[in-house]
């Protein structure tokens, strides 16, 4: 029971690891969304089962990316909304004011990607 001694576990995975930014095709974006949500749900369920009952499982939502279009933003907002309803997690929204420009991009000076 290697997980039972943790009091807090933070899970943060990016939908961009699924090739999300590589497409503008709305159907492909929705497929990526569903795949991401399905596998995040499975991961959350597995982690929750391994943790002690009083341990906190913190799930970080999708975060800003300077490459997002309005289509991308719509999808990541939907992903965040879905994950925020999962009862076994404490959800952190990284698309809110001060950590994004509310259009899906990092605030000026927050991004260091070339």
N, C-alpha and C. Protein backbone atom coordinates (compact mmCIF):
# COMPACT_ATOMS: atom_id res chain seq x y z
N UNK A 1 0.83 -1.19 0.00
CA UNK A 1 0.00 0.00 0.00
C UNK A 1 0.87 1.25 0.00
N UNK A 2 1.68 1.35 -1.06
CA UNK A 2 2.62 2.44 -1.18
C UNK A 2 1.98 3.83 -1.28
N UNK A 3 0.70 3.92 -1.65
CA UNK A 3 0.02 5.20 -1.81
C UNK A 3 -0.70 5.65 -0.55
N UNK A 4 -0.90 4.78 0.39
CA UNK A 4 -1.73 5.07 1.56
C UNK A 4 -1.14 6.14 2.48
N UNK A 5 0.16 6.37 2.43
CA UNK A 5 0.76 7.34 3.33
C UNK A 5 0.71 8.78 2.81
N UNK A 6 0.31 8.98 1.55
CA UNK A 6 0.21 10.33 1.01
C UNK A 6 -1.06 11.01 1.51
N UNK A 7 -0.93 12.25 1.94
CA UNK A 7 -2.12 12.98 2.38
C UNK A 7 -2.68 13.85 1.26
N UNK A 8 -1.82 14.20 0.29
CA UNK A 8 -2.25 15.00 -0.87
C UNK A 8 -1.53 14.47 -2.11
N UNK A 9 -2.28 14.29 -3.18
CA UNK A 9 -1.71 13.94 -4.48
C UNK A 9 -2.27 14.93 -5.49
N UNK A 10 -1.38 15.52 -6.29
CA UNK A 10 -1.78 16.48 -7.31
C UNK A 10 -1.57 15.84 -8.68
N UNK A 11 -2.63 15.82 -9.47
CA UNK A 11 -2.58 15.25 -10.82
C UNK A 11 -2.78 16.38 -11.83
N UNK A 12 -1.81 16.54 -12.72
CA UNK A 12 -1.89 17.58 -13.74
C UNK A 12 -1.34 17.02 -15.04
N UNK A 13 -2.21 16.80 -15.98
CA UNK A 13 -1.82 16.31 -17.31
C UNK A 13 -2.38 17.27 -18.36
N UNK A 14 -1.68 17.44 -19.44
CA UNK A 14 -2.10 18.38 -20.47
C UNK A 14 -2.78 17.67 -21.63
N UNK A 15 -3.89 18.22 -22.06
CA UNK A 15 -4.57 17.71 -23.26
C UNK A 15 -3.68 17.91 -24.48
N UNK A 16 -2.72 18.81 -24.39
CA UNK A 16 -1.80 19.03 -25.51
C UNK A 16 -0.90 17.84 -25.77
N UNK A 17 -0.73 16.97 -24.78
CA UNK A 17 0.04 15.73 -24.98
C UNK A 17 -0.68 14.78 -25.93
N UNK A 18 -1.93 15.04 -26.19
CA UNK A 18 -2.74 14.20 -27.09
C UNK A 18 -2.72 14.73 -28.53
N UNK A 19 -1.91 15.73 -28.81
CA UNK A 19 -1.87 16.31 -30.16
C UNK A 19 -2.93 17.35 -30.40
N UNK A 20 -3.48 17.88 -29.33
CA UNK A 20 -4.60 18.82 -29.40
C UNK A 20 -4.28 20.06 -30.23
N UNK A 21 -3.11 20.62 -30.03
CA UNK A 21 -2.77 21.85 -30.76
C UNK A 21 -2.42 21.61 -32.23
N UNK A 22 -2.24 20.35 -32.59
CA UNK A 22 -1.85 20.03 -33.96
C UNK A 22 -3.02 20.01 -34.92
N UNK A 23 -4.23 20.22 -34.41
CA UNK A 23 -5.40 20.16 -35.28
C UNK A 23 -6.30 21.37 -35.07
N UNK A 24 -6.95 21.75 -36.12
CA UNK A 24 -8.00 22.78 -36.08
C UNK A 24 -9.35 22.12 -36.44
N UNK A 25 -9.30 20.82 -36.79
CA UNK A 25 -10.50 20.09 -37.18
C UNK A 25 -11.37 19.84 -35.95
N UNK A 26 -12.58 20.36 -35.98
CA UNK A 26 -13.45 20.29 -34.81
C UNK A 26 -13.79 18.86 -34.41
N UNK A 27 -14.00 17.99 -35.38
CA UNK A 27 -14.31 16.58 -35.08
C UNK A 27 -13.12 15.90 -34.40
N UNK A 28 -11.92 16.13 -34.90
CA UNK A 28 -10.71 15.57 -34.30
C UNK A 28 -10.50 16.12 -32.88
N UNK A 29 -10.78 17.41 -32.70
CA UNK A 29 -10.65 18.03 -31.38
C UNK A 29 -11.61 17.38 -30.38
N UNK A 30 -12.81 17.10 -30.83
CA UNK A 30 -13.79 16.45 -29.94
C UNK A 30 -13.38 15.01 -29.62
N UNK A 31 -12.79 14.33 -30.59
CA UNK A 31 -12.26 12.98 -30.32
C UNK A 31 -11.16 13.02 -29.27
N UNK A 32 -10.27 14.00 -29.39
CA UNK A 32 -9.20 14.16 -28.41
C UNK A 32 -9.79 14.48 -27.05
N UNK A 33 -10.79 15.34 -27.02
CA UNK A 33 -11.47 15.69 -25.77
C UNK A 33 -12.03 14.44 -25.09
N UNK A 34 -12.75 13.63 -25.82
CA UNK A 34 -13.36 12.43 -25.25
C UNK A 34 -12.31 11.43 -24.77
N UNK A 35 -11.26 11.25 -25.56
CA UNK A 35 -10.17 10.35 -25.18
C UNK A 35 -9.51 10.85 -23.90
N UNK A 36 -9.22 12.14 -23.84
CA UNK A 36 -8.57 12.72 -22.66
C UNK A 36 -9.45 12.56 -21.42
N UNK A 37 -10.73 12.91 -21.54
CA UNK A 37 -11.64 12.80 -20.39
C UNK A 37 -11.78 11.35 -19.92
N UNK A 38 -11.90 10.44 -20.87
CA UNK A 38 -12.04 9.03 -20.51
C UNK A 38 -10.83 8.54 -19.71
N UNK A 39 -9.65 8.87 -20.20
CA UNK A 39 -8.44 8.37 -19.55
C UNK A 39 -8.11 9.13 -18.26
N UNK A 40 -8.48 10.40 -18.20
CA UNK A 40 -8.33 11.12 -16.92
C UNK A 40 -9.27 10.53 -15.88
N UNK A 41 -10.48 10.20 -16.29
CA UNK A 41 -11.45 9.61 -15.37
C UNK A 41 -10.93 8.27 -14.84
N UNK A 42 -10.39 7.45 -15.72
CA UNK A 42 -9.83 6.17 -15.30
C UNK A 42 -8.66 6.37 -14.33
N UNK A 43 -7.81 7.34 -14.62
CA UNK A 43 -6.65 7.62 -13.76
C UNK A 43 -7.11 8.12 -12.39
N UNK A 44 -8.08 9.01 -12.37
CA UNK A 44 -8.61 9.53 -11.10
C UNK A 44 -9.21 8.40 -10.28
N UNK A 45 -9.98 7.53 -10.90
CA UNK A 45 -10.60 6.41 -10.20
C UNK A 45 -9.54 5.48 -9.61
N UNK A 46 -8.53 5.18 -10.40
CA UNK A 46 -7.44 4.31 -9.93
C UNK A 46 -6.69 4.95 -8.76
N UNK A 47 -6.35 6.22 -8.89
CA UNK A 47 -5.65 6.91 -7.80
C UNK A 47 -6.48 6.95 -6.53
N UNK A 48 -7.74 7.28 -6.67
CA UNK A 48 -8.62 7.38 -5.50
C UNK A 48 -8.68 6.05 -4.76
N UNK A 49 -8.70 4.95 -5.50
CA UNK A 49 -8.74 3.62 -4.87
C UNK A 49 -7.45 3.30 -4.13
N UNK A 50 -6.34 3.84 -4.59
CA UNK A 50 -5.04 3.56 -3.98
C UNK A 50 -4.74 4.44 -2.77
N UNK A 51 -5.40 5.59 -2.70
CA UNK A 51 -5.12 6.54 -1.62
C UNK A 51 -5.92 6.21 -0.37
N UNK A 52 -5.44 6.71 0.75
CA UNK A 52 -6.18 6.59 2.00
C UNK A 52 -7.50 7.37 1.86
N UNK A 53 -8.55 6.93 2.56
CA UNK A 53 -9.85 7.59 2.42
C UNK A 53 -9.83 9.09 2.71
N UNK A 54 -8.97 9.53 3.63
CA UNK A 54 -8.94 10.95 3.98
C UNK A 54 -7.92 11.76 3.17
N UNK A 55 -7.24 11.13 2.23
CA UNK A 55 -6.26 11.84 1.40
C UNK A 55 -6.99 12.73 0.39
N UNK A 56 -6.38 13.85 0.07
CA UNK A 56 -6.93 14.76 -0.93
C UNK A 56 -6.32 14.45 -2.29
N UNK A 57 -7.19 14.32 -3.27
CA UNK A 57 -6.75 14.17 -4.65
C UNK A 57 -7.08 15.47 -5.36
N UNK A 58 -6.04 16.20 -5.75
CA UNK A 58 -6.20 17.50 -6.40
C UNK A 58 -5.98 17.31 -7.89
N UNK A 59 -6.95 17.76 -8.67
CA UNK A 59 -6.88 17.64 -10.12
C UNK A 59 -6.74 19.03 -10.73
N UNK A 60 -5.62 19.26 -11.39
CA UNK A 60 -5.39 20.53 -12.07
C UNK A 60 -6.04 20.47 -13.45
N UNK A 61 -6.83 21.46 -13.75
CA UNK A 61 -7.50 21.51 -15.03
C UNK A 61 -6.57 21.94 -16.15
N UNK A 62 -7.11 21.97 -17.35
CA UNK A 62 -6.35 22.44 -18.51
C UNK A 62 -5.89 23.86 -18.26
N UNK A 63 -4.70 24.15 -18.69
CA UNK A 63 -4.14 25.48 -18.46
C UNK A 63 -3.93 26.19 -19.79
N UNK A 64 -3.61 27.46 -19.70
CA UNK A 64 -3.48 28.32 -20.88
C UNK A 64 -2.40 27.82 -21.84
N UNK A 65 -2.54 28.22 -23.09
CA UNK A 65 -1.54 27.96 -24.11
C UNK A 65 -1.66 29.05 -25.16
N UNK A 66 -0.56 29.68 -25.51
CA UNK A 66 -0.61 30.79 -26.46
C UNK A 66 -1.01 30.35 -27.86
N UNK A 67 -1.02 29.05 -28.13
CA UNK A 67 -1.42 28.55 -29.43
C UNK A 67 -2.92 28.27 -29.56
N UNK A 68 -3.68 28.43 -28.48
CA UNK A 68 -5.11 28.13 -28.54
C UNK A 68 -5.86 29.11 -29.42
N UNK A 69 -6.75 28.55 -30.24
CA UNK A 69 -7.73 29.34 -30.97
C UNK A 69 -9.01 29.34 -30.13
N UNK A 70 -10.02 30.04 -30.59
CA UNK A 70 -11.29 30.03 -29.86
C UNK A 70 -11.91 28.63 -29.84
N UNK A 71 -11.69 27.83 -30.89
CA UNK A 71 -12.16 26.44 -30.90
C UNK A 71 -11.47 25.63 -29.81
N UNK A 72 -10.16 25.80 -29.69
CA UNK A 72 -9.41 25.10 -28.65
C UNK A 72 -9.94 25.50 -27.27
N UNK A 73 -10.14 26.80 -27.08
CA UNK A 73 -10.60 27.29 -25.78
C UNK A 73 -11.95 26.70 -25.42
N UNK A 74 -12.84 26.61 -26.38
CA UNK A 74 -14.16 26.03 -26.12
C UNK A 74 -14.03 24.59 -25.61
N UNK A 75 -13.15 23.82 -26.24
CA UNK A 75 -12.95 22.42 -25.84
C UNK A 75 -12.32 22.34 -24.45
N UNK A 76 -11.26 23.12 -24.18
CA UNK A 76 -10.61 23.01 -22.87
C UNK A 76 -11.53 23.50 -21.75
N UNK A 77 -12.37 24.47 -22.04
CA UNK A 77 -13.36 24.90 -21.04
C UNK A 77 -14.34 23.77 -20.74
N UNK A 78 -14.74 23.05 -21.77
CA UNK A 78 -15.64 21.91 -21.57
C UNK A 78 -14.95 20.81 -20.76
N UNK A 79 -13.71 20.52 -21.08
CA UNK A 79 -12.95 19.53 -20.32
C UNK A 79 -12.89 19.94 -18.85
N UNK A 80 -12.54 21.19 -18.60
CA UNK A 80 -12.47 21.67 -17.22
C UNK A 80 -13.81 21.57 -16.51
N UNK A 81 -14.86 21.94 -17.21
CA UNK A 81 -16.19 21.90 -16.60
C UNK A 81 -16.53 20.47 -16.20
N UNK A 82 -16.24 19.52 -17.07
CA UNK A 82 -16.53 18.12 -16.77
C UNK A 82 -15.72 17.64 -15.57
N UNK A 83 -14.42 17.90 -15.58
CA UNK A 83 -13.56 17.42 -14.49
C UNK A 83 -13.91 18.09 -13.16
N UNK A 84 -14.39 19.32 -13.21
CA UNK A 84 -14.73 20.03 -11.97
C UNK A 84 -15.92 19.41 -11.25
N UNK A 85 -16.67 18.57 -11.94
CA UNK A 85 -17.85 17.94 -11.32
C UNK A 85 -17.54 16.59 -10.67
N UNK A 86 -16.33 16.08 -10.86
CA UNK A 86 -15.99 14.78 -10.32
C UNK A 86 -15.87 14.88 -8.80
N UNK A 87 -16.69 14.15 -8.08
CA UNK A 87 -16.78 14.34 -6.63
C UNK A 87 -15.55 13.91 -5.84
N UNK A 88 -14.71 13.07 -6.40
CA UNK A 88 -13.57 12.58 -5.63
C UNK A 88 -12.31 13.44 -5.75
N UNK A 89 -12.42 14.59 -6.43
CA UNK A 89 -11.25 15.45 -6.59
C UNK A 89 -11.54 16.87 -6.09
N UNK A 90 -10.47 17.55 -5.74
CA UNK A 90 -10.48 18.99 -5.51
C UNK A 90 -9.93 19.58 -6.79
N UNK A 91 -10.73 20.37 -7.49
CA UNK A 91 -10.37 20.85 -8.82
C UNK A 91 -9.75 22.24 -8.76
N UNK A 92 -8.67 22.44 -9.53
CA UNK A 92 -8.01 23.74 -9.65
C UNK A 92 -8.18 24.22 -11.09
N UNK A 93 -8.76 25.40 -11.25
CA UNK A 93 -9.01 25.96 -12.58
C UNK A 93 -7.88 26.92 -12.94
N UNK A 94 -7.05 26.53 -13.90
CA UNK A 94 -5.94 27.37 -14.34
C UNK A 94 -6.30 28.25 -15.54
N UNK A 95 -7.58 28.30 -15.89
CA UNK A 95 -8.00 29.20 -16.96
C UNK A 95 -8.68 30.45 -16.41
N UNK A 96 -8.63 30.64 -15.12
CA UNK A 96 -9.26 31.81 -14.53
C UNK A 96 -8.34 33.03 -14.62
N UNK A 97 -8.90 34.17 -14.30
CA UNK A 97 -8.15 35.42 -14.32
C UNK A 97 -6.89 35.31 -13.46
N UNK A 98 -5.87 36.00 -13.82
CA UNK A 98 -4.55 36.06 -13.18
C UNK A 98 -3.62 34.92 -13.62
N UNK A 99 -4.14 33.81 -14.13
CA UNK A 99 -3.28 32.77 -14.68
C UNK A 99 -3.59 32.52 -16.16
N UNK A 100 -4.54 33.26 -16.69
CA UNK A 100 -4.79 33.27 -18.13
C UNK A 100 -5.39 34.63 -18.49
N UNK A 101 -5.43 34.90 -19.79
CA UNK A 101 -6.02 36.16 -20.23
C UNK A 101 -7.52 36.01 -20.48
N UNK A 102 -8.10 34.90 -20.05
CA UNK A 102 -9.52 34.55 -20.21
C UNK A 102 -9.88 34.25 -21.67
N UNK A 103 -8.88 34.21 -22.54
CA UNK A 103 -9.07 33.81 -23.93
C UNK A 103 -8.27 32.55 -24.22
N UNK A 104 -7.76 31.92 -23.16
CA UNK A 104 -7.01 30.68 -23.30
C UNK A 104 -5.51 30.85 -23.40
N UNK A 105 -5.04 32.10 -23.38
CA UNK A 105 -3.62 32.37 -23.51
C UNK A 105 -3.05 32.79 -22.16
N UNK A 106 -1.72 32.65 -22.04
CA UNK A 106 -1.04 33.12 -20.84
C UNK A 106 -1.08 34.64 -20.79
N UNK A 107 -1.14 35.21 -19.60
CA UNK A 107 -1.00 36.67 -19.51
C UNK A 107 0.37 37.10 -20.04
N UNK A 108 0.48 38.32 -20.44
CA UNK A 108 1.74 38.84 -20.96
C UNK A 108 2.87 38.61 -19.96
N UNK A 109 3.96 38.02 -20.45
CA UNK A 109 5.13 37.78 -19.64
C UNK A 109 5.14 36.45 -18.91
N UNK A 110 4.06 35.66 -18.98
CA UNK A 110 3.99 34.38 -18.28
C UNK A 110 4.55 33.23 -19.10
N UNK A 111 4.61 33.39 -20.40
CA UNK A 111 5.04 32.30 -21.28
C UNK A 111 6.49 32.51 -21.69
N UNK A 112 7.26 31.43 -21.73
CA UNK A 112 8.66 31.51 -22.13
C UNK A 112 8.98 30.59 -23.29
N UNK A 113 7.95 30.04 -23.93
CA UNK A 113 8.19 29.18 -25.08
C UNK A 113 8.74 30.00 -26.24
N UNK A 114 9.70 29.44 -26.99
CA UNK A 114 10.26 30.20 -28.13
C UNK A 114 9.24 30.38 -29.25
